[in-house]
PDB file of N, CA and C in Angstrom:
ATOM      1  N   MET A   1      10.015   7.289   2.927  1.00  0.00           N
ATOM      2  CA  MET A   1       9.260   6.877   3.588  1.00  0.00           C
ATOM      3  C   MET A   1       8.435   7.573   4.382  1.00  0.00           C
ATOM      4  N   PRO A   2       9.831   8.457   5.101  1.00  0.00           N
ATOM      5  CA  PRO A   2       9.557   9.488   5.896  1.00  0.00           C
ATOM      6  C   PRO A   2       8.121  10.881   5.452  1.00  0.00           C
ATOM      7  N   LYS A   3       8.716  11.036   4.175  1.00  0.00           N
ATOM      8  CA  LYS A   3       7.637  12.020   3.573  1.00  0.00           C
ATOM      9  C   LYS A   3       6.314  11.501   3.235  1.00  0.00           C
ATOM     10  N   ILE A   4       6.400  10.132   2.792  1.00  0.00           N
ATOM     11  CA  ILE A   4       5.026   9.365   2.708  1.00  0.00           C
ATOM     12  C   ILE A   4       4.320   9.564   4.309  1.00  0.00           C
ATOM     13  N   LYS A   5       5.119   9.292   5.286  1.00  0.00           N
ATOM     14  CA  LYS A   5       4.166   9.129   6.744  1.00  0.00           C
ATOM     15  C   LYS A   5       3.774  10.733   7.174  1.00  0.00           C
ATOM     16  N   LYS A   6       4.704  11.990   6.569  1.00  0.00           N
ATOM     17  CA  LYS A   6       4.454  13.037   6.968  1.00  0.00           C
ATOM     18  C   LYS A   6       2.876  13.079   5.868  1.00  0.00           C
ATOM     19  N   LEU A   7       2.846  13.140   5.064  1.00  0.00           N
ATOM     20  CA  LEU A   7       1.529  13.176   3.967  1.00  0.00           C
ATOM     21  C   LEU A   7       0.434  12.619   4.716  1.00  0.00           C
ATOM     22  N   ILE A   8       0.529  11.469   4.789  1.00  0.00           N
ATOM     23  CA  ILE A   8      -0.584  10.691   5.304  1.00  0.00           C
ATOM     24  C   ILE A   8      -1.140  11.020   6.862  1.00  0.00           C
ATOM     25  N   SER A   9      -0.063  11.456   7.492  1.00  0.00           N
ATOM     26  CA  SER A   9      -0.271  12.150   8.753  1.00  0.00           C
ATOM     27  C   SER A   9      -1.223  13.784   8.759  1.00  0.00           C
ATOM     28  N   GLU A  10      -1.253  14.221   7.688  1.00  0.00           N
ATOM     29  CA  GLU A  10      -1.965  15.546   7.467  1.00  0.00           C
ATOM     30  C   GLU A  10      -3.245  15.014   7.229  1.00  0.00           C
ATOM     31  N   PHE A  11      -3.398  14.143   7.029  1.00  0.00           N
ATOM     32  CA  PHE A  11      -5.158  13.772   6.644  1.00  0.00           C
ATOM     33  C   PHE A  11      -5.513  13.328   7.635  1.00  0.00           C
ATOM     34  N   SER A  12      -7.222  13.970   8.283  1.00  0.00           N
ATOM     35  CA  SER A  12      -7.568  13.260   8.905  1.00  0.00           C
ATOM     36  C   SER A  12      -8.463  12.403   9.099  1.00  0.00           C
ATOM     37  N   SER A  13      -8.456  11.736   7.956  1.00  0.00           N
ATOM     38  CA  SER A  13      -9.137  10.139   7.248  1.00  0.00           C
ATOM     39  C   SER A  13      -8.738   9.756   6.018  1.00  0.00           C
ATOM     40  N   LEU A  14      -8.364   8.512   6.428  1.00  0.00           N
ATOM     41  CA  LEU A  14      -8.009   8.241   4.435  1.00  0.00           C
ATOM     42  C   LEU A  14      -9.062   7.343   3.992  1.00  0.00           C
ATOM     43  N   THR A  15      -9.057   7.426   2.635  1.00  0.00           N
ATOM     44  CA  THR A  15      -9.946   6.957   1.947  1.00  0.00           C
ATOM     45  C   THR A  15      -9.115   5.419   1.686  1.00  0.00           C
ATOM     46  N   PHE A  16     -10.051   4.556   0.692  1.00  0.00           N
ATOM     47  CA  PHE A  16      -9.293   3.401   0.691  1.00  0.00           C
ATOM     48  C   PHE A  16      -8.380   3.658  -0.579  1.00  0.00           C
ATOM     49  N   ILE A  17      -8.690   4.494  -1.271  1.00  0.00           N
ATOM     50  CA  ILE A  17      -7.465   4.575  -2.425  1.00  0.00           C
ATOM     51  C   ILE A  17      -5.907   5.358  -1.763  1.00  0.00           C
ATOM     52  N   ASP A  18      -6.317   6.138  -0.948  1.00  0.00           N
ATOM     53  CA  ASP A  18      -5.050   6.685   0.286  1.00  0.00           C
ATOM     54  C   ASP A  18      -4.386   5.300   0.682  1.00  0.00           C
ATOM     55  N   ARG A  19      -4.793   4.447   1.282  1.00  0.00           N
ATOM     56  CA  ARG A  19      -4.526   3.054   1.615  1.00  0.00           C
ATOM     57  C   ARG A  19      -4.107   2.308   0.972  1.00  0.00           C
ATOM     58  N   ARG A  20      -4.646   1.930  -0.078  1.00  0.00           N
ATOM     59  CA  ARG A  20      -3.556   1.242  -1.172  1.00  0.00           C
ATOM     60  C   ARG A  20      -2.432   1.589  -1.659  1.00  0.00           C
ATOM     61  N   ASP A  21      -2.286   3.346  -2.428  1.00  0.00           N
ATOM     62  CA  ASP A  21      -1.506   3.530  -2.959  1.00  0.00           C
ATOM     63  C   ASP A  21       0.009   3.607  -1.763  1.00  0.00           C
ATOM     64  N   TYR A  22      -0.132   3.885  -0.598  1.00  0.00           N
ATOM     65  CA  TYR A  22       0.521   3.770   0.780  1.00  0.00           C
ATOM     66  C   TYR A  22       1.115   2.594   1.122  1.00  0.00           C
ATOM     67  N   LEU A  23      -0.364   1.325   0.649  1.00  0.00           N
ATOM     68  CA  LEU A  23       0.433  -0.128   1.280  1.00  0.00           C
ATOM     69  C   LEU A  23       1.334  -0.798  -0.021  1.00  0.00           C
ATOM     70  N   ILE A  24       0.684  -0.272  -1.212  1.00  0.00           N
ATOM     71  CA  ILE A  24       1.575  -0.685  -2.521  1.00  0.00           C
ATOM     72  C   ILE A  24       2.971  -0.223  -2.523  1.00  0.00           C
ATOM     73  N   THR A  25       3.085   1.038  -2.516  1.00  0.00           N
ATOM     74  CA  THR A  25       4.252   1.931  -2.222  1.00  0.00           C
ATOM     75  C   THR A  25       4.978   0.983  -1.334  1.00  0.00           C
ATOM     76  N   LYS A  26       4.869   1.166  -0.172  1.00  0.00           N
ATOM     77  CA  LYS A  26       5.533   0.605   1.392  1.00  0.00           C
ATOM     78  C   LYS A  26       5.729  -0.938   0.959  1.00  0.00           C
ATOM     79  N   LEU A  27       4.788  -1.723  -0.206  1.00  0.00           N
ATOM     80  CA  LEU A  27       5.353  -3.342  -0.409  1.00  0.00           C
ATOM     81  C   LEU A  27       6.207  -3.504  -1.584  1.00  0.00           C
ATOM     82  N   LEU A  28       6.345  -2.075  -2.014  1.00  0.00           N
ATOM     83  CA  LEU A  28       7.268  -1.997  -3.513  1.00  0.00           C
ATOM     84  C   LEU A  28       8.779  -1.407  -3.177  1.00  0.00           C
ATOM     85  N   ILE A  29       8.459  -1.003  -1.853  1.00  0.00           N
ATOM     86  CA  ILE A  29       9.618  -0.228  -1.569  1.00  0.00           C
ATOM     87  C   ILE A  29      10.600  -1.267  -0.538  1.00  0.00           C
ATOM     88  N   ASP A  30       9.503  -1.876   0.851  1.00  0.00           N
ATOM     89  CA  ASP A  30      10.617  -2.751   1.464  1.00  0.00           C
ATOM     90  C   ASP A  30      10.031  -3.844   1.227  1.00  0.00           C
ATOM     91  N   ASP A  31       9.754  -4.587   0.108  1.00  0.00           N
ATOM     92  CA  ASP A  31       9.649  -5.952  -0.062  1.00  0.00           C
ATOM     93  C   ASP A  31       8.815  -6.724   0.827  1.00  0.00           C
ATOM     94  N   LYS A  32       8.130  -6.241   1.981  1.00  0.00           N
ATOM     95  CA  LYS A  32       7.073  -6.930   3.222  1.00  0.00           C
ATOM     96  C   LYS A  32       6.676  -5.985   3.958  1.00  0.00           C
ATOM     97  N   ILE A  33       5.329  -6.153   4.127  1.00  0.00           N
ATOM     98  CA  ILE A  33       4.798  -5.196   5.356  1.00  0.00           C
ATOM     99  C   ILE A  33       4.100  -6.635   5.995  1.00  0.00           C
ATOM    100  N   ILE A  34       3.592  -5.682   7.355  1.00  0.00           N
ATOM    101  CA  ILE A  34       3.053  -6.370   8.484  1.00  0.00           C
ATOM    102  C   ILE A  34       1.790  -5.675   8.677  1.00  0.00           C
ATOM    103  N   LEU A  35       0.322  -6.372   8.641  1.00  0.00           N
ATOM    104  CA  LEU A  35      -0.907  -5.961   8.647  1.00  0.00           C
ATOM    105  C   LEU A  35      -0.885  -4.712   9.780  1.00  0.00           C
ATOM    106  N   SER A  36      -0.414  -5.687  10.943  1.00  0.00           N
ATOM    107  CA  SER A  36      -0.550  -5.026  12.403  1.00  0.00           C
ATOM    108  C   SER A  36       0.307  -3.662  12.416  1.00  0.00           C
ATOM    109  N   HIS A  37       1.390  -3.594  12.155  1.00  0.00           N
ATOM    110  CA  HIS A  37       2.221  -2.208  12.446  1.00  0.00           C
ATOM    111  C   HIS A  37       1.635  -1.399  11.067  1.00  0.00           C
ATOM    112  N   GLU A  38       1.046  -1.645  10.142  1.00  0.00           N
ATOM    113  CA  GLU A  38       0.316  -0.712   9.103  1.00  0.00           C
ATOM    114  C   GLU A  38      -0.871   0.147   9.989  1.00  0.00           C
ATOM    115  N   SER A  39      -1.359  -1.154  10.151  1.00  0.00           N
ATOM    116  CA  SER A  39      -2.629  -0.370  10.793  1.00  0.00           C
ATOM    117  C   SER A  39      -2.809   0.671  12.084  1.00  0.00           C
ATOM    118  N   ARG A  40      -1.432   0.403  12.655  1.00  0.00           N
ATOM    119  CA  ARG A  40      -0.970   1.449  13.912  1.00  0.00           C
ATOM    120  C   ARG A  40      -0.868   2.685  13.254  1.00  0.00           C
ATOM    121  N   ILE A  41       0.160   2.852  11.936  1.00  0.00           N
ATOM    122  CA  ILE A  41       0.298   3.820  11.555  1.00  0.00           C
ATOM    123  C   ILE A  41      -0.796   4.539  10.811  1.00  0.00           C
ATOM    124  N   LEU A  42      -1.810   3.694  10.025  1.00  0.00           N
ATOM    125  CA  LEU A  42      -2.654   4.065   9.389  1.00  0.00           C
ATOM    126  C   LEU A  42      -4.047   4.650  10.199  1.00  0.00           C
ATOM    127  N   ASP A  43      -4.015   4.314  11.612  1.00  0.00           N
ATOM    128  CA  ASP A  43      -5.204   4.209  12.212  1.00  0.00           C
ATOM    129  C   ASP A  43      -6.216   3.528  11.759  1.00  0.00           C
ATOM    130  N   VAL A  44      -6.208   2.713  11.398  1.00  0.00           N
ATOM    131  CA  VAL A  44      -7.375   1.361  11.340  1.00  0.00           C
ATOM    132  C   VAL A  44      -7.102   0.831  11.689  1.00  0.00           C
ATOM    133  N   THR A  45      -8.101  -0.197  11.432  1.00  0.00           N
ATOM    134  CA  THR A  45      -8.487  -1.950  12.198  1.00  0.00           C
ATOM    135  C   THR A  45      -7.377  -3.086  11.102  1.00  0.00           C
ATOM    136  N   ARG A  46      -7.314  -3.666  11.500  1.00  0.00           N
ATOM    137  CA  ARG A  46      -6.520  -4.944  10.620  1.00  0.00           C
ATOM    138  C   ARG A  46      -7.679  -5.064   9.673  1.00  0.00           C
ATOM    139  N   ARG A  47      -8.584  -5.439  10.647  1.00  0.00           N
ATOM    140  CA  ARG A  47      -9.927  -5.965   9.770  1.00  0.00           C
ATOM    141  C   ARG A  47     -10.077  -4.930   8.578  1.00  0.00           C
ATOM    142  N   THR A  48     -10.267  -3.640   8.445  1.00  0.00           N
ATOM    143  CA  THR A  48      -9.882  -2.903   7.468  1.00  0.00           C
ATOM    144  C   THR A  48      -9.114  -2.990   6.108  1.00  0.00           C
ATOM    145  N   LEU A  49      -8.115  -3.142   7.043  1.00  0.00           N
ATOM    146  CA  LEU A  49      -6.576  -3.503   5.804  1.00  0.00           C
ATOM    147  C   LEU A  49      -7.235  -4.675   5.146  1.00  0.00           C
ATOM    148  N   ASN A  50      -7.884  -5.846   5.741  1.00  0.00           N
ATOM    149  CA  ASN A  50      -7.913  -7.242   5.333  1.00  0.00           C
ATOM    150  C   ASN A  50      -9.011  -6.856   4.173  1.00  0.00           C
ATOM    151  N   TYR A  51      -9.851  -6.175   4.272  1.00  0.00           N
ATOM    152  CA  TYR A  51     -10.819  -5.747   3.254  1.00  0.00           C
ATOM    153  C   TYR A  51     -10.116  -4.942   2.026  1.00  0.00           C
ATOM    154  N   ASP A  52      -8.949  -4.074   2.396  1.00  0.00           N
ATOM    155  CA  ASP A  52      -8.650  -3.441   1.263  1.00  0.00           C
ATOM    156  C   ASP A  52      -7.344  -3.944   0.621  1.00  0.00           C
ATOM    157  N   LEU A  53      -6.725  -5.420   1.195  1.00  0.00           N
ATOM    158  CA  LEU A  53      -6.232  -6.242   0.630  1.00  0.00           C
ATOM    159  C   LEU A  53      -6.743  -6.903  -0.556  1.00  0.00           C
ATOM    160  N   VAL A  54      -8.023  -7.495  -0.132  1.00  0.00           N
ATOM    161  CA  VAL A  54      -8.787  -7.979  -1.350  1.00  0.00           C
ATOM    162  C   VAL A  54      -8.478  -7.090  -2.218  1.00  0.00           C
ATOM    163  N   GLU A  55      -9.232  -5.581  -2.602  1.00  0.00           N
ATOM    164  CA  GLU A  55      -9.144  -4.611  -3.338  1.00  0.00           C
ATOM    165  C   GLU A  55      -7.704  -4.561  -4.220  1.00  0.00           C
ATOM    166  N   ILE A  56      -6.513  -4.429  -3.097  1.00  0.00           N
ATOM    167  CA  ILE A  56      -5.269  -4.511  -3.916  1.00  0.00           C
ATOM    168  C   ILE A  56      -4.892  -5.564  -4.921  1.00  0.00           C
ATOM    169  N   LYS A  57      -5.097  -6.768  -4.337  1.00  0.00           N
ATOM    170  CA  LYS A  57      -4.860  -7.833  -5.546  1.00  0.00           C
ATOM    171  C   LYS A  57      -5.530  -7.687  -6.288  1.00  0.00           C
ATOM    172  N   LYS A  58      -7.197  -7.298  -6.150  1.00  0.00           N
ATOM    173  CA  LYS A  58      -8.027  -7.015  -7.475  1.00  0.00           C
ATOM    174  C   LYS A  58      -6.829  -5.601  -8.451  1.00  0.00           C
ATOM    175  N   PHE A  59      -6.755  -4.506  -7.922  1.00  0.00           N
ATOM    176  CA  PHE A  59      -5.802  -3.948  -8.523  1.00  0.00           C
ATOM    177  C   PHE A  59      -4.917  -4.531  -9.275  1.00  0.00           C
ATOM    178  N   LEU A  60      -3.818  -4.794  -8.705  1.00  0.00           N
ATOM    179  CA  LEU A  60      -2.577  -6.002  -8.868  1.00  0.00           C
ATOM    180  C   LEU A  60      -2.932  -6.478 -10.295  1.00  0.00           C
ATOM    181  N   MET A  61      -4.266  -7.291 -10.122  1.00  0.00           N
ATOM    182  CA  MET A  61      -3.791  -8.523 -11.430  1.00  0.00           C
ATOM    183  C   MET A  61      -3.912  -8.044 -12.729  1.00  0.00           C
ATOM    184  N   PRO A  62      -4.406  -6.841 -13.091  1.00  0.00           N
ATOM    185  CA  PRO A  62      -4.252  -6.733 -14.296  1.00  0.00           C
ATOM    186  C   PRO A  62      -2.173  -5.831 -14.930  1.00  0.00           C
ATOM    187  N   TYR A  63      -1.693  -5.668 -13.698  1.00  0.00           N
ATOM    188  CA  TYR A  63      -1.030  -5.724 -13.801  1.00  0.00           C
ATOM    189  C   TYR A  63       0.480  -6.846 -13.540  1.00  0.00           C
ATOM    190  N   SER A  64      -0.538  -7.998 -13.672  1.00  0.00           N
ATOM    191  CA  SER A  64       0.396  -9.324 -13.337  1.00  0.00           C
ATOM    192  C   SER A  64       1.081  -9.636 -11.979  1.00  0.00           C
ATOM    193  N   ILE A  65       1.108  -8.944 -11.062  1.00  0.00           N
ATOM    194  CA  ILE A  65       1.468  -8.915  -9.902  1.00  0.00           C
ATOM    195  C   ILE A  65       0.405  -9.563  -8.753  1.00  0.00           C
ATOM    196  N   THR A  66       0.894 -10.365  -8.033  1.00  0.00           N
ATOM    197  CA  THR A  66       0.112 -10.703  -6.970  1.00  0.00           C
ATOM    198  C   THR A  66       0.691 -10.750  -5.816  1.00  0.00           C
ATOM    199  N   VAL A  67      -0.109 -10.601  -4.749  1.00  0.00           N
ATOM    200  CA  VAL A  67      -0.077 -10.644  -3.319  1.00  0.00           C
ATOM    201  C   VAL A  67       0.169 -11.908  -2.706  1.00  0.00           C
ATOM    202  N   GLU A  68       1.255 -12.187  -2.055  1.00  0.00           N
ATOM    203  CA  GLU A  68       1.289 -13.134  -0.938  1.00  0.00           C
ATOM    204  C   GLU A  68       1.436 -12.579   0.604  1.00  0.00           C
ATOM    205  N   VAL A  69       0.065 -13.830   1.426  1.00  0.00           N
ATOM    206  CA  VAL A  69       0.373 -13.668   2.781  1.00  0.00           C
ATOM    207  C   VAL A  69       0.684 -14.503   3.664  1.00  0.00           C
ATOM    208  N   ILE A  70       1.588 -14.558   3.843  1.00  0.00           N
ATOM    209  CA  ILE A  70       2.549 -15.893   4.604  1.00  0.00           C
ATOM    210  C   ILE A  70       2.243 -15.170   6.213  1.00  0.00           C
ATOM    211  N   HIS A  71       1.440 -16.301   7.028  1.00  0.00           N
ATOM    212  CA  HIS A  71       1.100 -15.934   8.115  1.00  0.00           C
ATOM    213  C   HIS A  71       2.018 -16.143   9.088  1.00  0.00           C
ATOM    214  N   GLY A  72       1.727 -14.857   9.997  1.00  0.00           N
ATOM    215  CA  GLY A  72       3.455 -14.808  10.703  1.00  0.00           C
ATOM    216  C   GLY A  72       4.361 -14.447  10.367  1.00  0.00           C
ATOM    217  N   LYS A  73       4.544 -13.733   9.375  1.00  0.00           N
ATOM    218  CA  LYS A  73       5.698 -13.228   8.601  1.00  0.00           C
ATOM    219  C   LYS A  73       5.479 -12.148   7.532  1.00  0.00           C
ATOM    220  N   GLY A  74       4.085 -11.856   7.209  1.00  0.00           N
ATOM    221  CA  GLY A  74       3.765 -10.779   6.623  1.00  0.00           C
ATOM    222  C   GLY A  74       3.545 -10.765   5.017  1.00  0.00           C
ATOM    223  N   ILE A  75       3.503  -9.698   4.388  1.00  0.00           N
ATOM    224  CA  ILE A  75       2.938  -9.771   2.936  1.00  0.00           C
ATOM    225  C   ILE A  75       3.774  -9.343   1.949  1.00  0.00           C
ATOM    226  N   THR A  76       3.995  -9.829   1.135  1.00  0.00           N
ATOM    227  CA  THR A  76       4.858  -9.328  -0.324  1.00  0.00           C
ATOM    228  C   THR A  76       4.215  -9.269  -1.450  1.00  0.00           C
ATOM    229  N   LEU A  77       4.708  -8.820  -2.531  1.00  0.00           N
ATOM    230  CA  LEU A  77       4.209  -8.677  -3.914  1.00  0.00           C
ATOM    231  C   LEU A  77       5.285  -9.533  -4.462  1.00  0.00           C
ATOM    232  N   HIS A  78       4.890 -10.061  -5.816  1.00  0.00           N
ATOM    233  CA  HIS A  78       5.584 -11.387  -6.822  1.00  0.00           C
ATOM    234  C   HIS A  78       4.891 -10.581  -8.372  1.00  0.00           C
ATOM    235  N   GLY A  79       5.800 -10.426  -9.344  1.00  0.00           N
ATOM    236  CA  GLY A  79       5.405 -10.135 -10.333  1.00  0.00           C
ATOM    237  C   GLY A  79       6.905  -9.520 -11.159  1.00  0.00           C
ATOM    238  N   ASP A  80       6.545  -9.114 -12.288  1.00  0.00           N
ATOM    239  CA  ASP A  80       7.257  -8.319 -13.026  1.00  0.00           C
ATOM    240  C   ASP A  80       7.516  -7.293 -12.993  1.00  0.00           C
ATOM    241  N   GLU A  81       9.267  -6.869 -12.864  1.00  0.00           N
ATOM    242  CA  GLU A  81       9.730  -5.740 -11.898  1.00  0.00           C
ATOM    243  C   GLU A  81       9.431  -4.204 -12.602  1.00  0.00           C
ATOM    244  N   ARG A  82       9.327  -4.526 -14.197  1.00  0.00           N
ATOM    245  CA  ARG A  82       8.330  -3.102 -14.385  1.00  0.00           C
ATOM    246  C   ARG A  82       7.355  -3.000 -14.266  1.00  0.00           C
ATOM    247  N   HIS A  83       6.647  -4.024 -14.132  1.00  0.00           N
ATOM    248  CA  HIS A  83       4.917  -3.306 -13.849  1.00  0.00           C
ATOM    249  C   HIS A  83       5.112  -3.040 -12.166  1.00  0.00           C
ATOM    250  N   GLN A  84       5.948  -3.628 -11.354  1.00  0.00           N
ATOM    251  CA  GLN A  84       6.252  -3.081 -10.405  1.00  0.00           C
ATOM    252  C   GLN A  84       6.040  -1.964 -10.027  1.00  0.00           C
ATOM    253  N   LYS A  85       7.531  -1.650 -10.597  1.00  0.00           N
ATOM    254  CA  LYS A  85       7.647   0.129 -10.712  1.00  0.00           C
ATOM    255  C   LYS A  85       6.633   1.109 -10.780  1.00  0.00           C
ATOM    256  N   TYR A  86       6.355   0.568 -11.963  1.00  0.00           N
ATOM    257  CA  TYR A  86       5.573   1.392 -13.141  1.00  0.00           C
ATOM    258  C   TYR A  86       4.072   1.550 -11.772  1.00  0.00           C
ATOM    259  N   CYS A  87       3.811   0.723 -10.929  1.00  0.00           N
ATOM    260  CA  CYS A  87       2.538   0.556 -10.044  1.00  0.00           C
ATOM    261  C   CYS A  87       3.404   1.245  -8.713  1.00  0.00           C
ATOM    262  N   CYS A  88       4.637   1.297  -8.482  1.00  0.00           N
ATOM    263  CA  CYS A  88       5.143   1.813  -7.563  1.00  0.00           C
ATOM    264  C   CYS A  88       4.930   3.247  -7.841  1.00  0.00           C
ATOM    265  N   PHE A  89       5.404   4.175  -9.085  1.00  0.00           N
ATOM    266  CA  PHE A  89       5.169   4.968  -9.500  1.00  0.00           C
ATOM    267  C   PHE A  89       3.935   5.827  -9.311  1.00  0.00           C
ATOM    268  N   LEU A  90       3.158   5.177 -10.324  1.00  0.00           N
ATOM    269  CA  LEU A  90       1.899   5.513  -9.807  1.00  0.00           C
ATOM    270  C   LEU A  90       0.880   5.675  -8.282  1.00  0.00           C
ATOM    271  N   SER A  91       1.474   5.115  -7.730  1.00  0.00           N
ATOM    272  CA  SER A  91       1.082   5.019  -6.280  1.00  0.00           C
ATOM    273  C   SER A  91       1.555   6.421  -5.352  1.00  0.00           C
ATOM    274  N   LEU A  92       3.238   6.853  -6.043  1.00  0.00           N
ATOM    275  CA  LEU A  92       4.248   7.992  -5.335  1.00  0.00           C
ATOM    276  C   LEU A  92       2.968   9.057  -5.995  1.00  0.00           C
ATOM    277  N   LEU A  93       3.017   9.130  -7.176  1.00  0.00           N
ATOM    278  CA  LEU A  93       2.204  10.266  -7.631  1.00  0.00           C
ATOM    279  C   LEU A  93       1.232  10.638  -7.217  1.00  0.00           C
ATOM    280  N   ASN A  94       0.040   9.751  -6.636  1.00  0.00           N
ATOM    281  CA  ASN A  94      -0.861  10.307  -6.090  1.00  0.00           C
ATOM    282  C   ASN A  94      -1.053  10.289  -4.300  1.00  0.00           C
ATOM    283  N   LEU A  95      -0.216   9.493  -4.277  1.00  0.00           N
ATOM    284  CA  LEU A  95       0.120  10.081  -2.530  1.00  0.00           C
ATOM    285  C   LEU A  95       0.791  11.578  -2.159  1.00  0.00           C
ATOM    286  N   PHE A  96       1.586  12.025  -3.407  1.00  0.00           N
ATOM    287  CA  PHE A  96       2.498  13.377  -3.327  1.00  0.00           C
ATOM    288  C   PHE A  96       1.106  14.383  -3.885  1.00  0.00           C
ATOM    289  N   GLN A  97       0.135  13.957  -4.802  1.00  0.00           N
ATOM    290  CA  GLN A  97      -0.303  14.912  -5.759  1.00  0.00           C
ATOM    291  C   GLN A  97      -1.612  14.956  -4.562  1.00  0.00           C
ATOM    292  N   LYS A  98      -1.830  14.193  -4.036  1.00  0.00           N
ATOM    293  CA  LYS A  98      -2.741  14.310  -2.606  1.00  0.00           C
ATOM    294  C   LYS A  98      -2.606  15.447  -1.715  1.00  0.00           C
ATOM    295  N   GLY A  99      -1.219  15.109  -1.651  1.00  0.00           N
ATOM    296  CA  GLY A  99      -0.709  16.106  -0.471  1.00  0.00           C
ATOM    297  C   GLY A  99      -0.250  17.427  -0.890  1.00  0.00           C
ATOM    298  N   LYS A 100      -0.330  17.975  -2.231  1.00  0.00           N
ATOM    299  CA  LYS A 100      -0.264  18.717  -2.599  1.00  0.00           C
ATOM    300  C   LYS A 100      -1.622  20.148  -2.862  1.00  0.00           C
ATOM    301  N   SER A 101      -2.747  19.169  -2.443  1.00  0.00           N
ATOM    302  CA  SER A 101      -4.190  19.544  -3.008  1.00  0.00           C
ATOM    303  C   SER A 101      -4.836  20.027  -1.762  1.00  0.00           C
TER     304      SER A 101
END
C-alpha cells in the first residue's frame, strides 16, 4: 500500500479509473474501506466516491463480485476468490503502469 499511495500522490488529479483501481485494490487487500478516510487520501469528496462506488459495482458485476455497504462500518467485497484476485491484479497493473508513464 505505501507504493500505491506514493503513486497516487504523484498525480495532481486522479481520474475515475485511477480512483476505481485504487479503491478496488484497497478493498481486496484490506477487506474493508471507509469512504471518509479514503476521501481524505484521494483528496476528493465523499460524494465523488459514492458516485465512483456505483460505477465500481457495475465494473465488478461481470466478475460476480458484489459490493456491500454497511453504514457506519465500511464497504466490503464478496465473490469468488479467483475473480477477486484477478481484479486485484488488473487494478495493481493499471496503477503501476500509470506510475511509469
